Amino acid sequence: MAFAFENLHVYQRALDFADQAGVLTEQFPDRYGSLADLLDKAAISIATNLAEGNGRRDKSSRRHYFGLARGFVQECVPLLELARRRELVKEETVNQLRDDLENLSRNLSALIKGLDKGDGPPMRGGRDNYRGDRESSFVSRDRPSGTDGADEFHADGSDRETPPPHDDSPAEPPPSAE
């Protein structure tokens, strides 16, 4: 892949969601064309704002576009609910798509939080904004079969599967400088 954003797990999931929304809205009757257009545009805008934000050099611009992507995630929720109420989409389909949106929202929040911690995705042309001593937690990874990586990010932006162990033992005092 030629562009850094294409390696972002959240970007790939955003494309998947846009594809699902497109297939879904193709089935809407013509009289619901405006609802279909709104859902398609919002779904597509998640991925396009991720791409645009990753192409920006300064953190505030990147944060702005990643925030816009998160806003478009939120916009999809009432559009799906309206489609369900009008019986255009089955409830189980809406529930699955809502789960996908919740995961996208969490991942985008972690991405934004990572910018604040200096551990965001690689910027255009290099490592300007992430730690070069380890792989960024925002880059997709190979997954065992049957996993979709939906829980890749945690509140602290890490990709760990379990919380770190909690150690209640008192810290050892530092060695004396004798």
C-alpha atoms as a PDB file:
ATOM      1  CA  MET A   1       0.000   0.000   0.000  1.00  0.00           C
ATOM      2  CA  ALA A   2       1.352   3.361  -1.024  1.00  0.00           C
ATOM      3  CA  PHE A   3      -0.189   5.635   1.624  1.00  0.00           C
ATOM      4  CA  ALA A   4       0.345   5.357   5.386  1.00  0.00           C
ATOM      5  CA  PHE A   5      -3.369   5.693   6.171  1.00  0.00           C
ATOM      6  CA  GLU A   6      -4.070   2.544   4.159  1.00  0.00           C
ATOM      7  CA  ASN A   7      -2.289   0.569   6.882  1.00  0.00           C
ATOM      8  CA  LEU A   8      -4.572   1.903   9.609  1.00  0.00           C
ATOM      9  CA  HIS A   9      -6.886  -0.765  10.978  1.00  0.00           C
ATOM     10  CA  VAL A  10      -9.585   1.845  11.591  1.00  0.00           C
ATOM     11  CA  TYR A  11      -9.345   3.018   7.969  1.00  0.00           C
ATOM     12  CA  GLN A  12      -9.820  -0.534   6.678  1.00  0.00           C
ATOM     13  CA  ARG A  13     -12.841  -0.990   8.985  1.00  0.00           C
ATOM     14  CA  ALA A  14     -14.246   2.336   7.762  1.00  0.00           C
ATOM     15  CA  LEU A  15     -13.992   1.114   4.165  1.00  0.00           C
ATOM     16  CA  ASP A  16     -15.729  -2.119   5.166  1.00  0.00           C
ATOM     17  CA  PHE A  17     -18.539  -0.134   6.778  1.00  0.00           C
ATOM     18  CA  ALA A  18     -18.907   2.097   3.709  1.00  0.00           C
ATOM     19  CA  ASP A  19     -19.154  -1.015   1.521  1.00  0.00           C
ATOM     20  CA  GLN A  20     -21.824  -2.518   3.782  1.00  0.00           C
ATOM     21  CA  ALA A  21     -23.800   0.730   3.830  1.00  0.00           C
ATOM     22  CA  GLY A  22     -23.609   0.958   0.037  1.00  0.00           C
ATOM     23  CA  VAL A  23     -24.920  -2.568  -0.455  1.00  0.00           C
ATOM     24  CA  LEU A  24     -27.677  -1.882   2.051  1.00  0.00           C
ATOM     25  CA  THR A  25     -28.838   1.405   0.527  1.00  0.00           C
ATOM     26  CA  GLU A  26     -28.917  -0.024  -3.002  1.00  0.00           C
ATOM     27  CA  GLN A  27     -31.948  -1.995  -1.815  1.00  0.00           C
ATOM     28  CA  PHE A  28     -33.889   1.074  -0.596  1.00  0.00           C
ATOM     29  CA  PRO A  29     -36.943   1.994  -2.696  1.00  0.00           C
ATOM     30  CA  ASP A  30     -36.532   5.131  -4.833  1.00  0.00           C
ATOM     31  CA  ARG A  31     -38.718   7.232  -2.542  1.00  0.00           C
ATOM     32  CA  TYR A  32     -36.046   6.804   0.178  1.00  0.00           C
ATOM     33  CA  GLY A  33     -33.265   8.071  -2.072  1.00  0.00           C
ATOM     34  CA  SER A  34     -32.411  10.985   0.216  1.00  0.00           C
ATOM     35  CA  LEU A  35     -32.011   8.659   3.211  1.00  0.00           C
ATOM     36  CA  ALA A  36     -29.848   6.338   1.116  1.00  0.00           C
ATOM     37  CA  ASP A  37     -27.706   9.260  -0.095  1.00  0.00           C
ATOM     38  CA  LEU A  38     -27.236  10.615   3.431  1.00  0.00           C
ATOM     39  CA  LEU A  39     -26.190   7.219   4.810  1.00  0.00           C
ATOM     40  CA  ASP A  40     -23.850   6.544   1.876  1.00  0.00           C
ATOM     41  CA  LYS A  41     -22.196   9.957   2.153  1.00  0.00           C
ATOM     42  CA  ALA A  42     -21.768   9.750   5.923  1.00  0.00           C
ATOM     43  CA  ALA A  43     -20.312   6.229   5.689  1.00  0.00           C
ATOM     44  CA  ILE A  44     -17.887   7.223   2.929  1.00  0.00           C
ATOM     45  CA  SER A  45     -16.894  10.367   4.830  1.00  0.00           C
ATOM     46  CA  ILE A  46     -15.535   8.311   7.737  1.00  0.00           C
ATOM     47  CA  ALA A  47     -12.780   6.842   5.558  1.00  0.00           C
ATOM     48  CA  THR A  48     -12.157   9.988   3.511  1.00  0.00           C
ATOM     49  CA  ASN A  49     -11.670  12.143   6.598  1.00  0.00           C
ATOM     50  CA  LEU A  50      -9.240   9.582   8.014  1.00  0.00           C
ATOM     51  CA  ALA A  51      -7.269   9.760   4.781  1.00  0.00           C
ATOM     52  CA  GLU A  52      -7.350  13.551   4.660  1.00  0.00           C
ATOM     53  CA  GLY A  53      -6.367  13.873   8.316  1.00  0.00           C
ATOM     54  CA  ASN A  54      -3.446  11.537   7.923  1.00  0.00           C
ATOM     55  CA  GLY A  55      -2.200  13.683   5.051  1.00  0.00           C
ATOM     56  CA  ARG A  56      -1.963  16.738   7.299  1.00  0.00           C
ATOM     57  CA  ARG A  57       1.323  17.628   8.917  1.00  0.00           C
ATOM     58  CA  ASP A  58       0.237  19.359  12.112  1.00  0.00           C
ATOM     59  CA  LYS A  59      -1.521  17.657  15.008  1.00  0.00           C
ATOM     60  CA  SER A  60      -4.393  20.132  15.221  1.00  0.00           C
ATOM     61  CA  SER A  61      -5.366  19.544  11.569  1.00  0.00           C
ATOM     62  CA  ARG A  62      -5.056  15.806  11.967  1.00  0.00           C
ATOM     63  CA  ARG A  63      -7.158  15.908  15.138  1.00  0.00           C
ATOM     64  CA  HIS A  64      -9.759  18.021  13.303  1.00  0.00           C
ATOM     65  CA  TYR A  65     -10.183  15.535  10.439  1.00  0.00           C
ATOM     66  CA  PHE A  66     -10.121  12.502  12.735  1.00  0.00           C
ATOM     67  CA  GLY A  67     -12.798  14.269  14.798  1.00  0.00           C
ATOM     68  CA  LEU A  68     -14.843  14.835  11.642  1.00  0.00           C
ATOM     69  CA  ALA A  69     -14.562  11.115  10.879  1.00  0.00           C
ATOM     70  CA  ARG A  70     -15.856  10.355  14.375  1.00  0.00           C
ATOM     71  CA  GLY A  71     -18.724  12.801  13.793  1.00  0.00           C
ATOM     72  CA  PHE A  72     -19.714  10.969  10.621  1.00  0.00           C
ATOM     73  CA  VAL A  73     -19.774   7.730  12.633  1.00  0.00           C
ATOM     74  CA  GLN A  74     -22.305   9.418  14.925  1.00  0.00           C
ATOM     75  CA  GLU A  75     -24.299  10.678  11.927  1.00  0.00           C
ATOM     76  CA  CYS A  76     -24.782   7.123  10.666  1.00  0.00           C
ATOM     77  CA  VAL A  77     -26.565   6.040  13.876  1.00  0.00           C
ATOM     78  CA  PRO A  78     -29.840   7.991  13.427  1.00  0.00           C
ATOM     79  CA  LEU A  79     -29.837   7.263   9.700  1.00  0.00           C
ATOM     80  CA  LEU A  80     -29.733   3.526  10.409  1.00  0.00           C
ATOM     81  CA  GLU A  81     -32.442   3.921  13.037  1.00  0.00           C
ATOM     82  CA  LEU A  82     -34.691   5.748  10.561  1.00  0.00           C
ATOM     83  CA  ALA A  83     -34.110   3.004   7.998  1.00  0.00           C
ATOM     84  CA  ARG A  84     -35.086   0.409  10.622  1.00  0.00           C
ATOM     85  CA  ARG A  85     -38.231   2.334  11.620  1.00  0.00           C
ATOM     86  CA  ARG A  86     -39.282   2.510   7.981  1.00  0.00           C
ATOM     87  CA  GLU A  87     -38.686  -1.240   7.739  1.00  0.00           C
ATOM     88  CA  LEU A  88     -35.984  -0.840   5.118  1.00  0.00           C
ATOM     89  CA  VAL A  89     -33.456  -2.765   7.193  1.00  0.00           C
ATOM     90  CA  LYS A  90     -33.874  -5.697   9.569  1.00  0.00           C
ATOM     91  CA  GLU A  91     -33.197  -5.016  13.216  1.00  0.00           C
ATOM     92  CA  GLU A  92     -30.401  -7.601  13.389  1.00  0.00           C
ATOM     93  CA  THR A  93     -28.623  -5.888  10.479  1.00  0.00           C
ATOM     94  CA  VAL A  94     -28.934  -2.509  12.191  1.00  0.00           C
ATOM     95  CA  ASN A  95     -27.580  -3.994  15.427  1.00  0.00           C
ATOM     96  CA  GLN A  96     -24.534  -5.421  13.634  1.00  0.00           C
ATOM     97  CA  LEU A  97     -23.867  -2.121  11.868  1.00  0.00           C
ATOM     98  CA  ARG A  98     -24.268  -0.235  15.164  1.00  0.00           C
ATOM     99  CA  ASP A  99     -21.677  -2.549  16.719  1.00  0.00           C
ATOM    100  CA  ASP A 100     -19.346  -1.737  13.818  1.00  0.00           C
ATOM    101  CA  LEU A 101     -19.968   1.973  14.376  1.00  0.00           C
ATOM    102  CA  GLU A 102     -19.255   1.664  18.105  1.00  0.00           C
ATOM    103  CA  ASN A 103     -15.940  -0.026  17.318  1.00  0.00           C
ATOM    104  CA  LEU A 104     -15.088   2.655  14.767  1.00  0.00           C
ATOM    105  CA  SER A 105     -15.905   5.364  17.294  1.00  0.00           C
ATOM    106  CA  ARG A 106     -13.691   3.749  19.956  1.00  0.00           C
ATOM    107  CA  ASN A 107     -10.851   3.306  17.487  1.00  0.00           C
ATOM    108  CA  LEU A 108     -11.118   6.905  16.293  1.00  0.00           C
ATOM    109  CA  SER A 109     -11.142   8.141  19.883  1.00  0.00           C
ATOM    110  CA  ALA A 110      -7.978   6.136  20.557  1.00  0.00           C
ATOM    111  CA  LEU A 111      -6.405   7.541  17.403  1.00  0.00           C
ATOM    112  CA  ILE A 112      -7.167  11.102  18.536  1.00  0.00           C
ATOM    113  CA  LYS A 113      -5.940  10.367  22.044  1.00  0.00           C
ATOM    114  CA  GLY A 114      -2.755   8.923  20.543  1.00  0.00           C
ATOM    115  CA  LEU A 115      -2.081  12.230  18.823  1.00  0.00           C
ATOM    116  CA  ASP A 116      -2.183  13.949  22.201  1.00  0.00           C
ATOM    117  CA  LYS A 117       0.277  11.389  23.605  1.00  0.00           C
ATOM    118  CA  GLY A 118       2.568  11.655  20.568  1.00  0.00           C
ATOM    119  CA  ASP A 119       1.786   8.087  19.513  1.00  0.00           C
ATOM    120  CA  GLY A 120      -0.524   8.632  16.548  1.00  0.00           C
ATOM    121  CA  PRO A 121      -0.217   6.995  13.147  1.00  0.00           C
ATOM    122  CA  PRO A 122       2.792   7.765  10.974  1.00  0.00           C
ATOM    123  CA  MET A 123       2.502  11.049   9.133  1.00  0.00           C
ATOM    124  CA  ARG A 124       3.028  11.532   5.435  1.00  0.00           C
ATOM    125  CA  GLY A 125       6.562  10.765   4.504  1.00  0.00           C
ATOM    126  CA  GLY A 126       7.800   9.350   7.744  1.00  0.00           C
ATOM    127  CA  ARG A 127       7.867   9.080  11.471  1.00  0.00           C
ATOM    128  CA  ASP A 128       7.225  12.685  12.431  1.00  0.00           C
ATOM    129  CA  ASN A 129       4.607  11.867  15.010  1.00  0.00           C
ATOM    130  CA  TYR A 130       5.069   8.386  16.360  1.00  0.00           C
ATOM    131  CA  ARG A 131       7.639   6.470  18.275  1.00  0.00           C
ATOM    132  CA  GLY A 132      10.103   4.870  15.925  1.00  0.00           C
ATOM    133  CA  ASP A 133      11.321   2.387  18.542  1.00  0.00           C
ATOM    134  CA  ARG A 134       8.195   0.257  18.234  1.00  0.00           C
ATOM    135  CA  GLU A 135       5.417  -0.378  15.783  1.00  0.00           C
ATOM    136  CA  SER A 136       2.589   2.110  16.144  1.00  0.00           C
ATOM    137  CA  SER A 137      -0.501   0.679  17.830  1.00  0.00           C
ATOM    138  CA  PHE A 138      -2.584   2.283  15.078  1.00  0.00           C
ATOM    139  CA  VAL A 139      -1.204   0.161  12.248  1.00  0.00           C
ATOM    140  CA  SER A 140      -3.065  -2.994  11.308  1.00  0.00           C
ATOM    141  CA  ARG A 141      -1.577  -6.313  12.250  1.00  0.00           C
ATOM    142  CA  ASP A 142      -1.893  -9.834  10.910  1.00  0.00           C
ATOM    143  CA  ARG A 143      -4.647 -11.542  12.866  1.00  0.00           C
ATOM    144  CA  PRO A 144      -5.353 -15.201  13.502  1.00  0.00           C
ATOM    145  CA  SER A 145      -8.256 -16.435  11.423  1.00  0.00           C
ATOM    146  CA  GLY A 146     -11.653 -15.678  12.877  1.00  0.00           C
ATOM    147  CA  THR A 147     -10.641 -12.386  14.482  1.00  0.00           C
ATOM    148  CA  ASP A 148     -11.545  -9.052  13.008  1.00  0.00           C
ATOM    149  CA  GLY A 149      -9.476  -6.837  15.289  1.00  0.00           C
ATOM    150  CA  ALA A 150     -12.520  -4.853  16.388  1.00  0.00           C
ATOM    151  CA  ASP A 151     -11.089  -4.516  19.865  1.00  0.00           C
ATOM    152  CA  GLU A 152      -7.649  -3.442  18.676  1.00  0.00           C
ATOM    153  CA  PHE A 153      -7.614  -0.257  20.724  1.00  0.00           C
ATOM    154  CA  HIS A 154      -8.231   0.337  24.395  1.00  0.00           C
ATOM    155  CA  ALA A 155      -8.931   3.514  26.295  1.00  0.00           C
ATOM    156  CA  ASP A 156      -5.219   4.156  26.629  1.00  0.00           C
ATOM    157  CA  GLY A 157      -4.671   3.622  22.883  1.00  0.00           C
ATOM    158  CA  SER A 158      -2.797   0.339  23.342  1.00  0.00           C
ATOM    159  CA  ASP A 159      -3.597  -2.875  21.535  1.00  0.00           C
ATOM    160  CA  ARG A 160      -3.210  -5.245  24.477  1.00  0.00           C
ATOM    161  CA  GLU A 161      -5.816  -7.961  24.912  1.00  0.00           C
ATOM    162  CA  THR A 162      -5.833  -8.014  28.701  1.00  0.00           C
ATOM    163  CA  PRO A 163      -5.306  -5.290  31.247  1.00  0.00           C
ATOM    164  CA  PRO A 164      -1.845  -4.999  32.741  1.00  0.00           C
ATOM    165  CA  PRO A 165      -1.422  -6.777  36.063  1.00  0.00           C
ATOM    166  CA  HIS A 166      -2.011  -4.604  39.103  1.00  0.00           C
ATOM    167  CA  ASP A 167       0.798  -4.720  41.631  1.00  0.00           C
ATOM    168  CA  ASP A 168      -0.147  -3.645  45.169  1.00  0.00           C
ATOM    169  CA  SER A 169       3.271  -4.336  46.626  1.00  0.00           C
ATOM    170  CA  PRO A 170       5.154  -1.267  47.838  1.00  0.00           C
ATOM    171  CA  ALA A 171       7.828   0.039  45.556  1.00  0.00           C
ATOM    172  CA  GLU A 172      11.379  -0.667  46.589  1.00  0.00           C
ATOM    173  CA  PRO A 173      13.299   2.378  47.682  1.00  0.00           C
ATOM    174  CA  PRO A 174      16.007   3.483  45.291  1.00  0.00           C
ATOM    175  CA  PRO A 175      19.524   2.328  46.175  1.00  0.00           C
ATOM    176  CA  SER A 176      21.359   4.809  48.361  1.00  0.00           C
ATOM    177  CA  ALA A 177      24.095   6.861  46.773  1.00  0.00           C
ATOM    178  CA  GLU A 178      26.856   5.801  49.123  1.00  0.00           C
END
